[in-house]
Amino acid sequence: MNTRSTSLRLLAASLATAATLGALAGCAPLLVGGAMLGGTMMFVDRRTSGTQVEDQAIELKAAARVRELALSANVNITSYNRLVLITGEVPSEADKVAVEQVVSKVEAVRSVVNDLAIGEASGVGSRASDSVISGKVKASFVDAKDLQAQAAKVVTERGVVYLMGRVTEREATRFADVARSVDGVKKVVRVFEILTEAELATIQPKSN
């Protein structure tokens, strides 16, 4: 394994540990993916810097509005390129609809994928297990030599892995296949924005 792959794999493991500690402490850490290039940490993202800031704002605003509903629920909001994924558990179908309605009204949200489950909120142990699975999936992406590991955002809920990002159809298929091979993954759900190869070429960072 080369230095870059080793560094990325260690980063994935570190992020998984941080996420697990956050779950046990009842908080959600902000995770930022990066890559080692030429011995220097270089953060790579296929979104513009402005969109990254927008996504963070969407997550914060959406979470605040969901809290105002005062539900006995576990609701997680993830935004990537203004596409919002809602995961977790709520008590009823009416609550699921209510959550989607308030999230969809947040400024700058482009579209919403609502995959909330109806049932009792998952416990700390389940969330910690999901964080470990996410770390394993990210590490597997690093090991896959034909993938840019940082191009896919990984969200895990009850053993179901959701994949987000701006990728080509080839990358989307490959990311999903690799994720399915990870121990503990029950299902993989693609929430990608599909790019053409030509579109990807216009946003790829130039190599020195």
C-alpha atoms as a PDB file:
ATOM      1  CA  MET A   1       0.000   0.000   0.000  1.00  0.00           C
ATOM      2  CA  ASN A   2       1.520   3.384  -0.994  1.00  0.00           C
ATOM      3  CA  THR A   3       1.915   6.409   1.261  1.00  0.00           C
ATOM      4  CA  ARG A   4      -1.154   8.188  -0.130  1.00  0.00           C
ATOM      5  CA  SER A   5      -3.421   5.149   0.347  1.00  0.00           C
ATOM      6  CA  THR A   6      -2.078   4.568   3.847  1.00  0.00           C
ATOM      7  CA  SER A   7      -2.695   8.207   4.792  1.00  0.00           C
ATOM      8  CA  LEU A   8      -6.231   8.174   3.402  1.00  0.00           C
ATOM      9  CA  ARG A   9      -7.036   4.890   5.139  1.00  0.00           C
ATOM     10  CA  LEU A  10      -5.777   6.307   8.453  1.00  0.00           C
ATOM     11  CA  LEU A  11      -7.901   9.409   7.863  1.00  0.00           C
ATOM     12  CA  ALA A  12     -10.999   7.262   7.253  1.00  0.00           C
ATOM     13  CA  ALA A  13     -10.320   5.310  10.432  1.00  0.00           C
ATOM     14  CA  SER A  14      -9.780   8.519  12.417  1.00  0.00           C
ATOM     15  CA  LEU A  15     -13.037  10.002  11.144  1.00  0.00           C
ATOM     16  CA  ALA A  16     -14.875   6.810  12.063  1.00  0.00           C
ATOM     17  CA  THR A  17     -13.459   7.007  15.590  1.00  0.00           C
ATOM     18  CA  ALA A  18     -14.458  10.672  15.886  1.00  0.00           C
ATOM     19  CA  ALA A  19     -17.963   9.895  14.649  1.00  0.00           C
ATOM     20  CA  THR A  20     -18.311   7.024  17.120  1.00  0.00           C
ATOM     21  CA  LEU A  21     -17.211   9.228  20.008  1.00  0.00           C
ATOM     22  CA  GLY A  22     -19.651  11.893  18.826  1.00  0.00           C
ATOM     23  CA  ALA A  23     -22.490   9.366  18.776  1.00  0.00           C
ATOM     24  CA  LEU A  24     -21.651   8.172  22.282  1.00  0.00           C
ATOM     25  CA  ALA A  25     -21.522  11.769  23.499  1.00  0.00           C
ATOM     26  CA  GLY A  26     -24.831  12.604  21.802  1.00  0.00           C
ATOM     27  CA  CYS A  27     -23.365  15.083  19.335  1.00  0.00           C
ATOM     28  CA  ALA A  28     -22.629  15.052  15.618  1.00  0.00           C
ATOM     29  CA  PRO A  29     -19.077  16.073  14.644  1.00  0.00           C
ATOM     30  CA  LEU A  30     -18.361  17.950  11.440  1.00  0.00           C
ATOM     31  CA  LEU A  31     -16.312  15.622   9.271  1.00  0.00           C
ATOM     32  CA  VAL A  32     -14.154  16.877   6.409  1.00  0.00           C
ATOM     33  CA  GLY A  33     -12.571  14.483   3.932  1.00  0.00           C
ATOM     34  CA  GLY A  34      -9.165  15.088   2.427  1.00  0.00           C
ATOM     35  CA  ALA A  35      -6.304  13.488   0.542  1.00  0.00           C
ATOM     36  CA  MET A  36      -2.539  13.444   0.940  1.00  0.00           C
ATOM     37  CA  LEU A  37      -0.902  14.845  -2.149  1.00  0.00           C
ATOM     38  CA  GLY A  38       2.841  15.408  -2.268  1.00  0.00           C
ATOM     39  CA  GLY A  39       3.066  14.984   1.511  1.00  0.00           C
ATOM     40  CA  THR A  40       0.590  17.823   2.154  1.00  0.00           C
ATOM     41  CA  MET A  41      -3.027  17.518   3.242  1.00  0.00           C
ATOM     42  CA  MET A  42      -5.176  18.801   0.405  1.00  0.00           C
ATOM     43  CA  PHE A  43      -8.936  18.912   0.821  1.00  0.00           C
ATOM     44  CA  VAL A  44     -10.783  17.773  -2.269  1.00  0.00           C
ATOM     45  CA  ASP A  45     -14.466  18.297  -2.959  1.00  0.00           C
ATOM     46  CA  ARG A  46     -16.441  18.274  -6.198  1.00  0.00           C
ATOM     47  CA  ARG A  47     -18.685  21.031  -4.895  1.00  0.00           C
ATOM     48  CA  THR A  48     -17.764  24.694  -5.068  1.00  0.00           C
ATOM     49  CA  SER A  49     -16.635  26.257  -1.800  1.00  0.00           C
ATOM     50  CA  GLY A  50     -19.829  28.324  -1.808  1.00  0.00           C
ATOM     51  CA  THR A  51     -21.984  25.224  -2.138  1.00  0.00           C
ATOM     52  CA  GLN A  52     -20.118  23.519   0.716  1.00  0.00           C
ATOM     53  CA  VAL A  53     -20.964  26.467   2.961  1.00  0.00           C
ATOM     54  CA  GLU A  54     -24.570  26.354   1.733  1.00  0.00           C
ATOM     55  CA  ASP A  55     -24.806  22.660   2.567  1.00  0.00           C
ATOM     56  CA  GLN A  56     -23.583  23.275   6.114  1.00  0.00           C
ATOM     57  CA  ALA A  57     -26.142  26.069   6.525  1.00  0.00           C
ATOM     58  CA  ILE A  58     -28.920  23.840   5.172  1.00  0.00           C
ATOM     59  CA  GLU A  59     -28.080  21.093   7.663  1.00  0.00           C
ATOM     60  CA  LEU A  60     -28.074  23.518  10.597  1.00  0.00           C
ATOM     61  CA  LYS A  61     -31.313  25.271   9.592  1.00  0.00           C
ATOM     62  CA  ALA A  62     -33.110  22.023   8.781  1.00  0.00           C
ATOM     63  CA  ALA A  63     -32.069  20.443  12.086  1.00  0.00           C
ATOM     64  CA  ALA A  64     -33.328  23.502  13.970  1.00  0.00           C
ATOM     65  CA  ARG A  65     -36.701  23.365  12.235  1.00  0.00           C
ATOM     66  CA  VAL A  66     -37.061  19.649  12.908  1.00  0.00           C
ATOM     67  CA  ARG A  67     -36.326  20.272  16.600  1.00  0.00           C
ATOM     68  CA  GLU A  68     -39.170  22.788  16.646  1.00  0.00           C
ATOM     69  CA  LEU A  69     -41.545  19.917  15.802  1.00  0.00           C
ATOM     70  CA  ALA A  70     -40.708  18.464  19.230  1.00  0.00           C
ATOM     71  CA  LEU A  71     -40.898  14.868  18.012  1.00  0.00           C
ATOM     72  CA  SER A  72     -39.733  11.864  19.994  1.00  0.00           C
ATOM     73  CA  ALA A  73     -37.532  10.822  17.120  1.00  0.00           C
ATOM     74  CA  ASN A  74     -34.034  10.408  15.705  1.00  0.00           C
ATOM     75  CA  VAL A  75     -33.740  12.565  12.576  1.00  0.00           C
ATOM     76  CA  ASN A  76     -30.491  13.080  10.672  1.00  0.00           C
ATOM     77  CA  ILE A  77     -30.069  15.680   7.941  1.00  0.00           C
ATOM     78  CA  THR A  78     -27.315  15.417   5.332  1.00  0.00           C
ATOM     79  CA  SER A  79     -26.985  17.919   2.490  1.00  0.00           C
ATOM     80  CA  TYR A  80     -24.715  17.471  -0.531  1.00  0.00           C
ATOM     81  CA  ASN A  81     -24.862  19.995  -3.370  1.00  0.00           C
ATOM     82  CA  ARG A  82     -28.188  21.160  -1.894  1.00  0.00           C
ATOM     83  CA  LEU A  83     -29.731  17.683  -2.242  1.00  0.00           C
ATOM     84  CA  VAL A  84     -30.935  16.758   1.253  1.00  0.00           C
ATOM     85  CA  LEU A  85     -31.080  13.209   2.619  1.00  0.00           C
ATOM     86  CA  ILE A  86     -33.273  12.615   5.677  1.00  0.00           C
ATOM     87  CA  THR A  87     -32.613   9.437   7.652  1.00  0.00           C
ATOM     88  CA  GLY A  88     -33.457   8.087  11.081  1.00  0.00           C
ATOM     89  CA  GLU A  89     -36.676   7.071  12.773  1.00  0.00           C
ATOM     90  CA  VAL A  90     -39.975   8.824  13.577  1.00  0.00           C
ATOM     91  CA  PRO A  91     -43.078   7.507  15.392  1.00  0.00           C
ATOM     92  CA  SER A  92     -45.586   7.847  12.543  1.00  0.00           C
ATOM     93  CA  GLU A  93     -46.129   8.451   8.849  1.00  0.00           C
ATOM     94  CA  ALA A  94     -47.589  11.863   9.688  1.00  0.00           C
ATOM     95  CA  ASP A  95     -44.338  12.775  11.477  1.00  0.00           C
ATOM     96  CA  LYS A  96     -42.341  11.613   8.452  1.00  0.00           C
ATOM     97  CA  VAL A  97     -44.367  13.900   6.194  1.00  0.00           C
ATOM     98  CA  ALA A  98     -44.072  16.811   8.634  1.00  0.00           C
ATOM     99  CA  VAL A  99     -40.278  16.488   8.755  1.00  0.00           C
ATOM    100  CA  GLU A 100     -40.014  16.483   4.965  1.00  0.00           C
ATOM    101  CA  GLN A 101     -42.238  19.531   4.686  1.00  0.00           C
ATOM    102  CA  VAL A 102     -40.176  21.683   7.051  1.00  0.00           C
ATOM    103  CA  VAL A 103     -36.880  20.543   5.531  1.00  0.00           C
ATOM    104  CA  SER A 104     -38.008  21.175   1.952  1.00  0.00           C
ATOM    105  CA  LYS A 105     -38.852  24.776   2.870  1.00  0.00           C
ATOM    106  CA  VAL A 106     -35.320  25.582   4.026  1.00  0.00           C
ATOM    107  CA  GLU A 107     -33.714  28.201   1.799  1.00  0.00           C
ATOM    108  CA  ALA A 108     -31.479  26.832  -1.014  1.00  0.00           C
ATOM    109  CA  VAL A 109     -32.712  23.215  -0.751  1.00  0.00           C
ATOM    110  CA  ARG A 110     -32.887  21.802  -4.283  1.00  0.00           C
ATOM    111  CA  SER A 111     -34.518  18.437  -3.580  1.00  0.00           C
ATOM    112  CA  VAL A 112     -35.207  16.056  -0.691  1.00  0.00           C
ATOM    113  CA  VAL A 113     -34.829  12.290  -0.332  1.00  0.00           C
ATOM    114  CA  ASN A 114     -36.890  11.213   2.688  1.00  0.00           C
ATOM    115  CA  ASP A 115     -35.875   7.750   3.900  1.00  0.00           C
ATOM    116  CA  LEU A 116     -37.095   8.042   7.484  1.00  0.00           C
ATOM    117  CA  ALA A 117     -38.221   4.751   9.014  1.00  0.00           C
ATOM    118  CA  ILE A 118     -41.371   4.470  11.088  1.00  0.00           C
ATOM    119  CA  GLY A 119     -40.559   3.107  14.520  1.00  0.00           C
ATOM    120  CA  GLU A 120     -38.668   3.584  17.756  1.00  0.00           C
ATOM    121  CA  ALA A 121     -35.564   5.765  17.673  1.00  0.00           C
ATOM    122  CA  SER A 122     -32.298   3.826  17.404  1.00  0.00           C
ATOM    123  CA  GLY A 123     -30.086   3.643  20.485  1.00  0.00           C
ATOM    124  CA  VAL A 124     -26.526   4.804  21.088  1.00  0.00           C
ATOM    125  CA  GLY A 125     -25.136   1.322  20.412  1.00  0.00           C
ATOM    126  CA  SER A 126     -26.776   1.159  17.000  1.00  0.00           C
ATOM    127  CA  ARG A 127     -25.503   4.613  16.050  1.00  0.00           C
ATOM    128  CA  ALA A 128     -21.977   3.746  17.163  1.00  0.00           C
ATOM    129  CA  SER A 129     -22.113   0.581  15.043  1.00  0.00           C
ATOM    130  CA  ASP A 130     -23.261   2.657  12.059  1.00  0.00           C
ATOM    131  CA  SER A 131     -20.294   5.005  12.527  1.00  0.00           C
ATOM    132  CA  VAL A 132     -17.915   2.042  12.481  1.00  0.00           C
ATOM    133  CA  ILE A 133     -19.522   0.727   9.284  1.00  0.00           C
ATOM    134  CA  SER A 134     -19.138   4.161   7.655  1.00  0.00           C
ATOM    135  CA  GLY A 135     -15.441   4.118   8.548  1.00  0.00           C
ATOM    136  CA  LYS A 136     -14.988   0.668   7.033  1.00  0.00           C
ATOM    137  CA  VAL A 137     -16.769   1.713   3.842  1.00  0.00           C
ATOM    138  CA  LYS A 138     -14.590   4.818   3.495  1.00  0.00           C
ATOM    139  CA  ALA A 139     -11.456   2.749   4.080  1.00  0.00           C
ATOM    140  CA  SER A 140     -12.587   0.292   1.389  1.00  0.00           C
ATOM    141  CA  PHE A 141     -12.995   3.192  -1.028  1.00  0.00           C
ATOM    142  CA  VAL A 142      -9.403   4.185  -0.299  1.00  0.00           C
ATOM    143  CA  ASP A 143      -8.248   0.636  -1.034  1.00  0.00           C
ATOM    144  CA  ALA A 144     -10.060   0.650  -4.390  1.00  0.00           C
ATOM    145  CA  LYS A 145      -7.368   2.022  -6.705  1.00  0.00           C
ATOM    146  CA  ASP A 146      -9.844   3.028  -9.416  1.00  0.00           C
ATOM    147  CA  LEU A 147     -11.888   5.358  -7.171  1.00  0.00           C
ATOM    148  CA  GLN A 148     -11.384   8.838  -5.758  1.00  0.00           C
ATOM    149  CA  ALA A 149     -12.391   7.932  -2.215  1.00  0.00           C
ATOM    150  CA  GLN A 150     -13.204  11.498  -1.212  1.00  0.00           C
ATOM    151  CA  ALA A 151     -15.778  11.855  -4.024  1.00  0.00           C
ATOM    152  CA  ALA A 152     -18.421   9.840  -2.130  1.00  0.00           C
ATOM    153  CA  LYS A 153     -20.082  10.924   1.104  1.00  0.00           C
ATOM    154  CA  VAL A 154     -21.115   7.991   3.301  1.00  0.00           C
ATOM    155  CA  VAL A 155     -24.111   8.001   5.657  1.00  0.00           C
ATOM    156  CA  THR A 156     -25.063   4.834   7.553  1.00  0.00           C
ATOM    157  CA  GLU A 157     -28.371   4.238   9.317  1.00  0.00           C
ATOM    158  CA  ARG A 158     -29.314   0.892  10.895  1.00  0.00           C
ATOM    159  CA  GLY A 159     -26.721  -0.849   8.717  1.00  0.00           C
ATOM    160  CA  VAL A 160     -28.035   0.748   5.509  1.00  0.00           C
ATOM    161  CA  VAL A 161     -25.344   2.719   3.679  1.00  0.00           C
ATOM    162  CA  TYR A 162     -26.365   5.821   1.725  1.00  0.00           C
ATOM    163  CA  LEU A 163     -23.895   7.165  -0.828  1.00  0.00           C
ATOM    164  CA  MET A 164     -23.956  10.812  -1.885  1.00  0.00           C
ATOM    165  CA  GLY A 165     -21.763  12.851  -4.193  1.00  0.00           C
ATOM    166  CA  ARG A 166     -21.263  14.090  -7.732  1.00  0.00           C
ATOM    167  CA  VAL A 167     -20.022  11.076  -9.676  1.00  0.00           C
ATOM    168  CA  THR A 168     -20.204   9.435 -13.074  1.00  0.00           C
ATOM    169  CA  GLU A 169     -22.372   6.360 -13.630  1.00  0.00           C
ATOM    170  CA  ARG A 170     -19.242   4.198 -13.682  1.00  0.00           C
ATOM    171  CA  GLU A 171     -18.106   5.623 -10.339  1.00  0.00           C
ATOM    172  CA  ALA A 172     -21.579   5.269  -8.839  1.00  0.00           C
ATOM    173  CA  THR A 173     -21.742   1.590  -9.735  1.00  0.00           C
ATOM    174  CA  ARG A 174     -18.237   0.938  -8.453  1.00  0.00           C
ATOM    175  CA  PHE A 175     -18.784   2.817  -5.172  1.00  0.00           C
ATOM    176  CA  ALA A 176     -21.976   0.839  -4.558  1.00  0.00           C
ATOM    177  CA  ASP A 177     -20.297  -2.493  -5.346  1.00  0.00           C
ATOM    178  CA  VAL A 178     -17.408  -1.773  -2.985  1.00  0.00           C
ATOM    179  CA  ALA A 179     -19.766  -0.648  -0.188  1.00  0.00           C
ATOM    180  CA  ARG A 180     -21.840  -3.834  -0.514  1.00  0.00           C
ATOM    181  CA  SER A 181     -18.726  -5.927   0.089  1.00  0.00           C
ATOM    182  CA  VAL A 182     -18.127  -4.407   3.535  1.00  0.00           C
ATOM    183  CA  ASP A 183     -19.015  -6.564   6.531  1.00  0.00           C
ATOM    184  CA  GLY A 184     -22.109  -5.317   8.379  1.00  0.00           C
ATOM    185  CA  VAL A 185     -23.650  -3.480   5.415  1.00  0.00           C
ATOM    186  CA  LYS A 186     -27.265  -4.594   5.002  1.00  0.00           C
ATOM    187  CA  LYS A 187     -28.142  -2.495   1.963  1.00  0.00           C
ATOM    188  CA  VAL A 188     -26.685   0.260  -0.216  1.00  0.00           C
ATOM    189  CA  VAL A 189     -28.795   3.202  -1.382  1.00  0.00           C
ATOM    190  CA  ARG A 190     -27.418   5.456  -4.108  1.00  0.00           C
ATOM    191  CA  VAL A 191     -28.267   9.147  -3.626  1.00  0.00           C
ATOM    192  CA  PHE A 192     -25.740  10.339  -6.169  1.00  0.00           C
ATOM    193  CA  GLU A 193     -25.918  13.218  -8.603  1.00  0.00           C
ATOM    194  CA  ILE A 194     -24.785  11.629 -11.863  1.00  0.00           C
ATOM    195  CA  LEU A 195     -22.296  13.524 -14.037  1.00  0.00           C
ATOM    196  CA  THR A 196     -21.165  12.810 -17.551  1.00  0.00           C
ATOM    197  CA  GLU A 197     -17.465  12.130 -18.081  1.00  0.00           C
ATOM    198  CA  ALA A 198     -17.241  15.531 -19.788  1.00  0.00           C
ATOM    199  CA  GLU A 199     -18.819  17.292 -16.795  1.00  0.00           C
ATOM    200  CA  LEU A 200     -16.457  15.524 -14.427  1.00  0.00           C
ATOM    201  CA  ALA A 201     -13.449  16.637 -16.495  1.00  0.00           C
ATOM    202  CA  THR A 202     -14.436  20.286 -15.986  1.00  0.00           C
ATOM    203  CA  ILE A 203     -14.404  20.028 -12.177  1.00  0.00           C
ATOM    204  CA  GLN A 204     -11.427  17.693 -11.683  1.00  0.00           C
ATOM    205  CA  PRO A 205      -8.524  19.362  -9.840  1.00  0.00           C
ATOM    206  CA  LYS A 206      -5.546  19.896 -12.112  1.00  0.00           C
ATOM    207  CA  SER A 207      -2.564  17.712 -11.166  1.00  0.00           C
ATOM    208  CA  ASN A 208       0.851  19.373 -10.989  1.00  0.00           C
END
